[in-house]
């Protein structure tokens, strides 16, 4: 059981998979608070895997892989706000592609989409490049 509720999060992002409900939150037991994904069991919120050990960061978006597992897109403030995408694999978070793939572009808006073709797509605007949109594609 997690101490507190999903409302303790600075940014709540919910996704559904059948009857499963996932929420992006923060583990306030650590300093800085680490991004964490919670699953609702019907009675309580429980952590899915360990918190993402990425330093000072927040979850920008969450999604689901074809298998129904959670995916997260994280903006890492320790790395100049660069974006990294993660998936849960055997209760451990695995980075997809290159960590910090936005390469110092100081991303503005960002979103991820898990498509039925087996790829994760991440779209973001790059503030350092006149807000041009970039799209990254990673195999799941």
N, C-alpha and C. Protein backbone atom coordinates (compact mmCIF):
# COMPACT_ATOMS: atom_id res chain seq x y z
N UNK A 1 0.84 -1.18 0.00
CA UNK A 1 0.00 0.00 0.00
C UNK A 1 0.88 1.24 0.00
N UNK A 2 0.48 2.25 -0.70
CA UNK A 2 1.20 3.50 -0.79
C UNK A 2 0.66 4.45 0.25
N UNK A 3 1.56 5.12 0.94
CA UNK A 3 1.13 6.13 1.91
C UNK A 3 0.55 7.31 1.15
N UNK A 4 -0.64 7.73 1.49
CA UNK A 4 -1.28 8.84 0.80
C UNK A 4 -2.10 8.32 -0.37
N UNK A 5 -2.48 9.22 -1.24
CA UNK A 5 -3.31 8.86 -2.38
C UNK A 5 -2.74 9.45 -3.65
N UNK A 6 -3.39 9.15 -4.74
CA UNK A 6 -2.96 9.70 -6.02
C UNK A 6 -3.03 11.21 -6.03
N UNK A 7 -3.88 11.81 -5.18
CA UNK A 7 -3.97 13.26 -5.14
C UNK A 7 -2.69 13.90 -4.60
N UNK A 8 -1.81 13.11 -3.97
CA UNK A 8 -0.55 13.65 -3.47
C UNK A 8 0.40 14.00 -4.61
N UNK A 9 0.08 13.55 -5.82
CA UNK A 9 0.93 13.78 -6.97
C UNK A 9 0.84 15.24 -7.43
N UNK A 10 1.96 15.74 -7.95
CA UNK A 10 1.96 17.07 -8.57
C UNK A 10 1.25 17.01 -9.91
N UNK A 11 1.23 15.86 -10.54
CA UNK A 11 0.60 15.72 -11.85
C UNK A 11 -0.01 14.33 -11.94
N UNK A 12 -1.32 14.25 -11.97
CA UNK A 12 -2.00 12.97 -12.11
C UNK A 12 -2.30 12.70 -13.57
N UNK A 13 -1.81 11.60 -14.09
CA UNK A 13 -2.07 11.18 -15.45
C UNK A 13 -2.61 9.76 -15.36
N UNK A 14 -3.86 9.56 -15.77
CA UNK A 14 -4.51 8.26 -15.66
C UNK A 14 -4.61 7.56 -17.01
N UNK A 15 -4.42 6.24 -17.02
CA UNK A 15 -4.67 5.44 -18.21
C UNK A 15 -5.39 4.16 -17.79
N UNK A 16 -6.21 3.63 -18.69
CA UNK A 16 -6.98 2.42 -18.44
C UNK A 16 -6.53 1.32 -19.37
N UNK A 17 -6.54 0.08 -18.86
CA UNK A 17 -6.29 -1.10 -19.67
C UNK A 17 -7.29 -2.15 -19.22
N UNK A 18 -8.38 -2.31 -19.96
CA UNK A 18 -9.43 -3.22 -19.53
C UNK A 18 -9.98 -2.75 -18.19
N UNK A 19 -9.80 -3.56 -17.17
CA UNK A 19 -10.24 -3.17 -15.83
C UNK A 19 -9.12 -2.57 -15.00
N UNK A 20 -7.90 -2.49 -15.56
CA UNK A 20 -6.76 -1.93 -14.83
C UNK A 20 -6.72 -0.41 -14.98
N UNK A 21 -6.40 0.27 -13.90
CA UNK A 21 -6.28 1.73 -13.89
C UNK A 21 -4.90 2.08 -13.35
N UNK A 22 -4.15 2.87 -14.12
CA UNK A 22 -2.82 3.30 -13.72
C UNK A 22 -2.80 4.81 -13.54
N UNK A 23 -1.97 5.26 -12.61
CA UNK A 23 -1.84 6.69 -12.34
C UNK A 23 -0.37 7.04 -12.17
N UNK A 24 0.07 8.11 -12.81
CA UNK A 24 1.42 8.62 -12.59
C UNK A 24 1.38 9.51 -11.35
N UNK A 25 2.32 9.29 -10.46
CA UNK A 25 2.37 10.03 -9.20
C UNK A 25 3.83 10.24 -8.83
N UNK A 26 4.08 10.58 -7.57
CA UNK A 26 5.44 10.81 -7.09
C UNK A 26 5.63 10.12 -5.76
N UNK A 27 6.81 9.57 -5.56
CA UNK A 27 7.16 8.96 -4.29
C UNK A 27 7.77 10.05 -3.42
N UNK A 28 6.95 10.60 -2.53
CA UNK A 28 7.40 11.70 -1.68
C UNK A 28 8.25 11.23 -0.51
N UNK A 29 8.50 9.93 -0.43
CA UNK A 29 9.37 9.41 0.62
C UNK A 29 10.83 9.64 0.29
N UNK A 30 11.12 10.02 -0.95
CA UNK A 30 12.51 10.26 -1.37
C UNK A 30 12.68 11.75 -1.64
N UNK A 31 13.93 12.18 -1.67
CA UNK A 31 14.25 13.57 -1.99
C UNK A 31 15.29 13.59 -3.08
N UNK A 32 15.01 14.05 -4.29
CA UNK A 32 13.73 14.63 -4.67
C UNK A 32 12.67 13.55 -4.83
N UNK A 33 11.41 13.95 -4.88
CA UNK A 33 10.32 13.00 -5.10
C UNK A 33 10.49 12.36 -6.47
N UNK A 34 10.49 11.04 -6.53
CA UNK A 34 10.73 10.33 -7.78
C UNK A 34 9.42 9.96 -8.47
N UNK A 35 9.38 10.01 -9.80
CA UNK A 35 8.18 9.57 -10.52
C UNK A 35 7.86 8.12 -10.20
N UNK A 36 6.58 7.83 -10.08
CA UNK A 36 6.10 6.52 -9.68
C UNK A 36 4.81 6.23 -10.43
N UNK A 37 4.59 4.98 -10.81
CA UNK A 37 3.32 4.58 -11.41
C UNK A 37 2.58 3.71 -10.41
N UNK A 38 1.30 4.02 -10.21
CA UNK A 38 0.46 3.27 -9.29
C UNK A 38 -0.63 2.56 -10.08
N UNK A 39 -1.05 1.40 -9.57
CA UNK A 39 -2.17 0.67 -10.16
C UNK A 39 -3.26 0.57 -9.10
N UNK A 40 -4.50 0.78 -9.52
CA UNK A 40 -5.61 0.68 -8.57
C UNK A 40 -6.08 -0.76 -8.51
N UNK A 41 -6.13 -1.33 -7.30
CA UNK A 41 -6.51 -2.73 -7.11
C UNK A 41 -8.00 -2.89 -6.89
N UNK A 42 -8.73 -1.80 -6.88
CA UNK A 42 -10.14 -1.84 -6.55
C UNK A 42 -10.38 -1.32 -5.15
N UNK A 43 -9.37 -1.44 -4.31
CA UNK A 43 -9.48 -0.96 -2.93
C UNK A 43 -8.37 0.02 -2.57
N UNK A 44 -7.25 -0.08 -3.27
CA UNK A 44 -6.07 0.71 -2.91
C UNK A 44 -5.22 1.00 -4.14
N UNK A 45 -4.31 1.96 -4.02
CA UNK A 45 -3.29 2.23 -5.03
C UNK A 45 -2.01 1.54 -4.61
N UNK A 46 -1.42 0.73 -5.50
CA UNK A 46 -0.17 0.04 -5.19
C UNK A 46 0.87 0.38 -6.25
N UNK A 47 2.16 0.49 -5.85
CA UNK A 47 3.21 0.80 -6.83
C UNK A 47 3.37 -0.31 -7.86
N UNK A 48 3.66 0.09 -9.09
CA UNK A 48 3.98 -0.83 -10.17
C UNK A 48 5.48 -0.68 -10.39
N UNK A 49 6.24 -1.69 -10.01
CA UNK A 49 7.69 -1.57 -10.10
C UNK A 49 8.21 -0.58 -9.06
N UNK A 50 9.45 -0.24 -9.18
CA UNK A 50 10.09 0.74 -8.29
C UNK A 50 9.90 2.14 -8.86
N UNK A 51 10.08 3.18 -8.03
CA UNK A 51 10.07 4.54 -8.58
C UNK A 51 11.16 4.69 -9.63
N UNK A 52 10.93 5.53 -10.61
CA UNK A 52 11.94 5.80 -11.64
C UNK A 52 13.06 6.62 -11.03
N UNK A 53 14.24 6.06 -10.95
CA UNK A 53 15.38 6.73 -10.33
C UNK A 53 16.06 7.65 -11.33
N UNK A 54 15.41 8.77 -11.62
CA UNK A 54 15.94 9.68 -12.63
C UNK A 54 16.31 11.04 -12.06
N UNK A 55 16.27 11.20 -10.76
CA UNK A 55 16.56 12.51 -10.17
C UNK A 55 15.32 13.38 -10.19
N UNK A 56 15.54 14.69 -10.23
CA UNK A 56 14.41 15.61 -10.22
C UNK A 56 13.75 15.61 -11.59
N UNK A 57 12.55 15.06 -11.64
CA UNK A 57 11.86 14.87 -12.91
C UNK A 57 10.37 14.80 -12.66
N UNK A 58 9.59 14.87 -13.74
CA UNK A 58 8.17 14.60 -13.59
C UNK A 58 7.66 13.84 -14.81
N UNK A 59 6.56 13.13 -14.58
CA UNK A 59 5.95 12.35 -15.64
C UNK A 59 5.12 13.29 -16.51
N UNK A 60 5.46 13.35 -17.78
CA UNK A 60 4.77 14.20 -18.74
C UNK A 60 3.51 13.50 -19.26
N UNK A 61 3.63 12.19 -19.54
CA UNK A 61 2.51 11.46 -20.09
C UNK A 61 2.68 9.98 -19.76
N UNK A 62 1.57 9.26 -19.76
CA UNK A 62 1.61 7.81 -19.59
C UNK A 62 0.80 7.17 -20.71
N UNK A 63 1.08 5.92 -20.96
CA UNK A 63 0.35 5.17 -21.97
C UNK A 63 0.45 3.70 -21.67
N UNK A 64 -0.04 2.89 -22.58
CA UNK A 64 -0.02 1.44 -22.41
C UNK A 64 0.56 0.78 -23.65
N UNK A 65 1.37 -0.25 -23.44
CA UNK A 65 1.88 -1.03 -24.55
C UNK A 65 0.76 -1.94 -25.05
N UNK A 66 1.00 -2.62 -26.16
CA UNK A 66 0.00 -3.55 -26.69
C UNK A 66 -0.35 -4.63 -25.68
N UNK A 67 0.62 -5.02 -24.84
CA UNK A 67 0.38 -6.05 -23.84
C UNK A 67 -0.34 -5.50 -22.61
N UNK A 68 -0.57 -4.18 -22.58
CA UNK A 68 -1.28 -3.57 -21.45
C UNK A 68 -0.38 -3.05 -20.36
N UNK A 69 0.94 -3.17 -20.53
CA UNK A 69 1.87 -2.67 -19.52
C UNK A 69 2.05 -1.16 -19.62
N UNK A 70 2.32 -0.49 -18.49
CA UNK A 70 2.45 0.96 -18.50
C UNK A 70 3.73 1.45 -19.19
N UNK A 71 3.60 2.61 -19.84
CA UNK A 71 4.69 3.34 -20.45
C UNK A 71 4.68 4.74 -19.86
N UNK A 72 5.85 5.35 -19.67
CA UNK A 72 5.88 6.71 -19.16
C UNK A 72 6.87 7.55 -19.95
N UNK A 73 6.54 8.82 -20.08
CA UNK A 73 7.41 9.81 -20.69
C UNK A 73 7.78 10.78 -19.59
N UNK A 74 9.08 10.95 -19.35
CA UNK A 74 9.58 11.72 -18.22
C UNK A 74 10.41 12.90 -18.70
N UNK A 75 10.20 14.07 -18.10
CA UNK A 75 11.06 15.23 -18.34
C UNK A 75 12.02 15.31 -17.16
N UNK A 76 13.31 15.19 -17.44
CA UNK A 76 14.36 15.11 -16.41
C UNK A 76 15.01 16.47 -16.21
N UNK A 77 14.70 17.11 -15.09
CA UNK A 77 15.26 18.44 -14.83
C UNK A 77 16.75 18.40 -14.51
N UNK A 78 17.25 17.25 -14.05
CA UNK A 78 18.69 17.13 -13.81
C UNK A 78 19.46 17.09 -15.12
N UNK A 79 18.75 16.82 -16.23
CA UNK A 79 19.37 16.75 -17.56
C UNK A 79 18.76 17.84 -18.45
N UNK A 80 18.62 19.05 -17.91
CA UNK A 80 18.16 20.21 -18.67
C UNK A 80 16.77 20.04 -19.29
N UNK A 81 15.92 19.25 -18.63
CA UNK A 81 14.56 19.08 -19.11
C UNK A 81 14.41 18.12 -20.27
N UNK A 82 15.43 17.32 -20.53
CA UNK A 82 15.35 16.38 -21.65
C UNK A 82 14.34 15.28 -21.37
N UNK A 83 13.79 14.72 -22.42
CA UNK A 83 12.78 13.68 -22.32
C UNK A 83 13.39 12.29 -22.42
N UNK A 84 12.80 11.35 -21.65
CA UNK A 84 13.16 9.93 -21.75
C UNK A 84 11.87 9.13 -21.66
N UNK A 85 11.80 8.02 -22.40
CA UNK A 85 10.63 7.15 -22.38
C UNK A 85 11.02 5.82 -21.72
N UNK A 86 10.10 5.28 -20.93
CA UNK A 86 10.33 4.04 -20.19
C UNK A 86 9.14 3.10 -20.34
N UNK A 87 9.43 1.79 -20.26
CA UNK A 87 8.36 0.80 -20.18
C UNK A 87 8.67 -0.11 -19.00
N UNK A 88 7.62 -0.70 -18.45
CA UNK A 88 7.79 -1.64 -17.35
C UNK A 88 8.02 -3.03 -17.92
N UNK A 89 9.13 -3.65 -17.53
CA UNK A 89 9.48 -4.99 -18.00
C UNK A 89 9.92 -5.81 -16.80
N UNK A 90 9.16 -6.84 -16.45
CA UNK A 90 9.47 -7.70 -15.30
C UNK A 90 9.67 -6.88 -14.02
N UNK A 91 8.74 -5.98 -13.75
CA UNK A 91 8.72 -5.15 -12.54
C UNK A 91 9.88 -4.15 -12.45
N UNK A 92 10.62 -3.96 -13.53
CA UNK A 92 11.70 -2.96 -13.56
C UNK A 92 11.47 -2.03 -14.75
N UNK A 93 11.80 -0.76 -14.59
CA UNK A 93 11.64 0.22 -15.66
C UNK A 93 12.82 0.13 -16.60
N UNK A 94 12.53 0.07 -17.88
CA UNK A 94 13.55 -0.04 -18.93
C UNK A 94 13.42 1.17 -19.84
N UNK A 95 14.54 1.87 -20.07
CA UNK A 95 14.51 3.04 -20.95
C UNK A 95 14.34 2.56 -22.38
N UNK A 96 13.54 3.29 -23.15
CA UNK A 96 13.35 3.00 -24.56
C UNK A 96 14.22 3.96 -25.37
N UNK A 97 15.03 3.42 -26.23
CA UNK A 97 15.90 4.28 -27.03
C UNK A 97 16.97 4.92 -26.19
N UNK A 98 17.29 6.15 -26.50
CA UNK A 98 18.36 6.90 -25.84
C UNK A 98 17.77 7.74 -24.72
N UNK A 99 18.31 7.63 -23.48
CA UNK A 99 17.83 8.52 -22.42
C UNK A 99 18.12 9.98 -22.80
N UNK A 100 17.19 10.86 -22.52
CA UNK A 100 17.39 12.27 -22.86
C UNK A 100 17.39 12.50 -24.35
N UNK A 101 16.51 11.80 -25.09
CA UNK A 101 16.55 11.86 -26.55
C UNK A 101 16.26 13.23 -27.13
N UNK A 102 15.71 14.14 -26.34
CA UNK A 102 15.43 15.48 -26.88
C UNK A 102 16.69 16.34 -26.95
N UNK A 103 17.82 15.82 -26.48
CA UNK A 103 19.15 16.42 -26.66
C UNK A 103 19.21 17.91 -26.37
N UNK A 104 18.73 18.30 -25.22
CA UNK A 104 18.85 19.70 -24.82
C UNK A 104 17.94 20.64 -25.57
N UNK A 105 16.94 20.11 -26.26
CA UNK A 105 16.02 20.96 -27.01
C UNK A 105 15.03 21.70 -26.11
N UNK A 106 15.11 21.50 -24.79
CA UNK A 106 14.18 22.12 -23.85
C UNK A 106 12.76 21.92 -24.35
N UNK A 107 12.27 20.66 -24.31
CA UNK A 107 10.96 20.37 -24.86
C UNK A 107 9.85 21.16 -24.18
N UNK A 108 8.88 21.60 -24.98
CA UNK A 108 7.71 22.26 -24.44
C UNK A 108 6.64 21.23 -24.18
N UNK A 109 5.64 21.17 -25.04
CA UNK A 109 4.59 20.17 -24.92
C UNK A 109 5.10 18.83 -25.44
N UNK A 110 4.62 17.74 -24.82
CA UNK A 110 5.04 16.41 -25.26
C UNK A 110 3.93 15.41 -24.97
N UNK A 111 3.87 14.37 -25.80
CA UNK A 111 2.87 13.32 -25.61
C UNK A 111 3.42 12.02 -26.17
N UNK A 112 2.94 10.89 -25.64
CA UNK A 112 3.33 9.61 -26.19
C UNK A 112 2.09 8.85 -26.65
N UNK A 113 2.29 7.96 -27.60
CA UNK A 113 1.21 7.16 -28.14
C UNK A 113 1.77 5.78 -28.46
N UNK A 114 1.16 4.76 -27.89
CA UNK A 114 1.52 3.39 -28.20
C UNK A 114 0.58 2.91 -29.29
N UNK A 115 1.12 2.70 -30.47
CA UNK A 115 0.29 2.33 -31.61
C UNK A 115 0.19 0.81 -31.73
N UNK A 116 -0.80 0.38 -32.47
CA UNK A 116 -1.01 -1.05 -32.65
C UNK A 116 0.05 -1.70 -33.53
N UNK A 117 0.93 -0.91 -34.14
CA UNK A 117 1.99 -1.48 -34.98
C UNK A 117 3.21 -1.92 -34.18
N UNK A 118 3.13 -1.87 -32.82
CA UNK A 118 4.22 -2.33 -31.99
C UNK A 118 5.29 -1.29 -31.71
N UNK A 119 5.00 -0.02 -31.98
CA UNK A 119 5.94 1.07 -31.73
C UNK A 119 5.36 2.08 -30.76
N UNK A 120 6.25 2.74 -30.05
CA UNK A 120 5.88 3.88 -29.22
C UNK A 120 6.28 5.13 -29.98
N UNK A 121 5.34 6.05 -30.11
CA UNK A 121 5.61 7.33 -30.76
C UNK A 121 5.59 8.43 -29.70
N UNK A 122 6.59 9.29 -29.74
CA UNK A 122 6.66 10.43 -28.83
C UNK A 122 6.75 11.69 -29.68
N UNK A 123 5.81 12.58 -29.48
CA UNK A 123 5.82 13.87 -30.19
C UNK A 123 6.09 14.97 -29.17
N UNK A 124 6.95 15.92 -29.54
CA UNK A 124 7.23 17.03 -28.64
C UNK A 124 7.63 18.26 -29.43
N UNK A 125 7.40 19.41 -28.83
CA UNK A 125 7.85 20.65 -29.44
C UNK A 125 9.19 21.02 -28.81
N UNK A 126 10.10 21.48 -29.62
CA UNK A 126 11.44 21.85 -29.15
C UNK A 126 11.51 23.37 -29.02
N UNK A 127 11.55 23.85 -27.79
CA UNK A 127 11.59 25.29 -27.56
C UNK A 127 12.84 25.93 -28.15
N UNK A 128 13.94 25.18 -28.16
CA UNK A 128 15.19 25.70 -28.69
C UNK A 128 15.25 25.73 -30.21
N UNK A 129 14.25 25.19 -30.87
CA UNK A 129 14.22 25.16 -32.33
C UNK A 129 12.90 25.72 -32.85
N UNK A 130 12.56 26.92 -32.39
CA UNK A 130 11.36 27.62 -32.86
C UNK A 130 10.08 26.81 -32.71
N UNK A 131 10.02 26.00 -31.66
CA UNK A 131 8.83 25.18 -31.35
C UNK A 131 8.46 24.20 -32.46
N UNK A 132 9.45 23.76 -33.20
CA UNK A 132 9.19 22.74 -34.21
C UNK A 132 8.82 21.43 -33.54
N UNK A 133 7.98 20.68 -34.19
CA UNK A 133 7.55 19.39 -33.66
C UNK A 133 8.53 18.30 -34.11
N UNK A 134 8.94 17.48 -33.16
CA UNK A 134 9.77 16.31 -33.46
C UNK A 134 8.98 15.08 -33.05
N UNK A 135 9.15 13.98 -33.79
CA UNK A 135 8.49 12.73 -33.46
C UNK A 135 9.54 11.64 -33.41
N UNK A 136 9.58 10.93 -32.28
CA UNK A 136 10.49 9.81 -32.11
C UNK A 136 9.68 8.52 -32.18
N UNK A 137 10.29 7.45 -32.66
CA UNK A 137 9.61 6.15 -32.78
C UNK A 137 10.52 5.08 -32.19
N UNK A 138 9.97 4.28 -31.26
CA UNK A 138 10.74 3.24 -30.59
C UNK A 138 9.99 1.92 -30.65
N UNK A 139 10.67 0.83 -30.99
CA UNK A 139 10.00 -0.48 -30.97
C UNK A 139 9.70 -0.89 -29.53
N UNK A 140 8.52 -1.47 -29.35
CA UNK A 140 8.15 -1.99 -28.04
C UNK A 140 8.44 -3.47 -28.04
